[in-house]
Amino acid sequence: MSLHEVILACFALCMIVGAIISLKPLLARLTPHKGRSVSPDKSLVLEAHLSLDRTRRLSLVRCGQKEVLVLSGGATDVLLEWSSARAFAALLEDAP
């Protein structure tokens, strides 16, 4: 093998590896996730989540017609359930 052939082979290998790495996010979106089954009626849905700091996370989960606010990751987890804005404000005042 000449030096020119070795350089050409290394260049081709780098191009193939680069193509695989750049296409990985696209392939991840196109393939279905194993182990994650979505029910047709979507009775349990994660509406939104917010990272408060490196350990705590605030999540809004809808289960049927009810919405639940979950604060997790600290020393204790807090779960608040509400059906209207007024009831939610009352729950926030009563929360520890």
Protein backbone atom coordinates (compact mmCIF):
# COMPACT_ATOMS: atom_id res chain seq x y z
CA MET A 1 0.00 0.00 0.00
CA SER A 2 1.32 3.39 -0.87
CA LEU A 3 1.11 6.46 1.35
CA HIS A 4 -1.54 7.92 -0.94
CA GLU A 5 -3.80 4.85 -0.50
CA VAL A 6 -3.40 4.91 3.31
CA ILE A 7 -4.33 8.60 3.46
CA LEU A 8 -7.31 7.99 1.18
CA ALA A 9 -8.51 5.06 3.34
CA CYS A 10 -8.18 7.13 6.55
CA PHE A 11 -10.09 10.00 4.95
CA ALA A 12 -12.88 7.65 3.83
CA LEU A 13 -13.09 6.13 7.32
CA CYS A 14 -13.31 9.60 8.90
CA MET A 15 -16.08 10.57 6.49
CA ILE A 16 -18.09 7.44 7.30
CA VAL A 17 -17.72 7.93 11.07
CA GLY A 18 -18.68 11.61 10.69
CA ALA A 19 -21.78 10.69 8.72
CA ILE A 20 -22.85 8.15 11.35
CA ILE A 21 -22.37 10.66 14.19
CA SER A 22 -24.22 13.44 12.38
CA LEU A 23 -27.17 11.19 11.44
CA LYS A 24 -27.60 9.72 14.95
CA PRO A 25 -30.02 12.46 16.21
CA LEU A 26 -32.13 12.12 13.06
CA LEU A 27 -32.33 8.35 13.40
CA ALA A 28 -33.25 8.68 17.10
CA ARG A 29 -36.27 10.80 16.15
CA LEU A 30 -37.42 8.43 13.42
CA THR A 31 -37.21 5.18 15.38
CA PRO A 32 -39.85 4.39 18.02
CA HIS A 33 -38.63 4.17 21.60
CA LYS A 34 -38.66 0.68 23.02
CA GLY A 35 -40.30 0.34 26.41
CA ARG A 36 -42.30 3.55 26.04
CA SER A 37 -45.85 2.64 25.22
CA VAL A 38 -48.32 5.43 24.56
CA SER A 39 -51.92 4.62 25.29
CA PRO A 40 -54.40 5.71 22.64
CA ASP A 41 -56.41 7.84 25.10
CA LYS A 42 -53.26 9.40 26.62
CA SER A 43 -54.60 9.19 30.15
CA LEU A 44 -51.21 10.08 31.69
CA VAL A 45 -49.34 12.96 30.02
CA LEU A 46 -46.33 15.00 31.11
CA GLU A 47 -47.49 18.52 30.22
CA ALA A 48 -44.35 20.45 31.24
CA HIS A 49 -41.25 20.21 33.39
CA LEU A 50 -38.78 22.71 34.77
CA SER A 51 -35.37 22.10 36.32
CA LEU A 52 -35.11 24.32 39.38
CA ASP A 53 -31.53 23.42 40.23
CA ARG A 54 -29.24 20.45 39.70
CA THR A 55 -31.34 18.12 41.91
CA ARG A 56 -34.91 19.46 42.00
CA ARG A 57 -37.45 19.32 39.17
CA LEU A 58 -40.96 20.73 38.93
CA SER A 59 -43.31 18.71 36.68
CA LEU A 60 -46.90 19.23 35.57
CA VAL A 61 -48.64 15.90 34.92
CA ARG A 62 -52.17 15.41 33.60
CA CYS A 63 -53.96 12.22 34.60
CA GLY A 64 -57.35 12.05 32.93
CA GLN A 65 -59.13 15.32 33.79
CA LYS A 66 -56.92 16.13 36.80
CA GLU A 67 -53.62 17.97 36.78
CA VAL A 68 -50.89 17.30 39.32
CA LEU A 69 -47.87 19.44 40.15
CA VAL A 70 -44.90 17.38 41.36
CA LEU A 71 -41.80 18.80 43.02
CA SER A 72 -39.19 16.03 43.10
CA GLY A 73 -35.52 15.55 43.77
CA GLY A 74 -35.16 17.17 47.18
CA ALA A 75 -35.22 15.62 50.64
CA THR A 76 -38.99 15.12 50.24
CA ASP A 77 -41.21 15.06 47.18
CA VAL A 78 -44.33 17.24 47.08
CA LEU A 79 -47.48 16.40 45.12
CA LEU A 80 -50.20 19.04 44.56
CA GLU A 81 -53.45 18.22 42.78
CA TRP A 82 -55.92 20.77 41.48
CA SER A 83 -58.80 21.20 39.09
CA SER A 84 -59.05 25.02 38.92
CA ALA A 85 -56.76 28.03 39.38
CA ARG A 86 -58.50 29.03 42.63
CA ALA A 87 -58.07 25.54 44.13
CA PHE A 88 -54.42 25.54 43.05
CA ALA A 89 -53.74 28.87 44.82
CA ALA A 90 -55.31 27.47 48.00
CA LEU A 91 -53.11 24.37 47.79
CA LEU A 92 -49.98 26.48 47.36
CA GLU A 93 -50.81 28.43 50.53
CA ASP A 94 -51.33 25.21 52.51
CA ALA A 95 -48.15 23.51 51.20
CA PRO A 96 -45.23 23.17 53.65
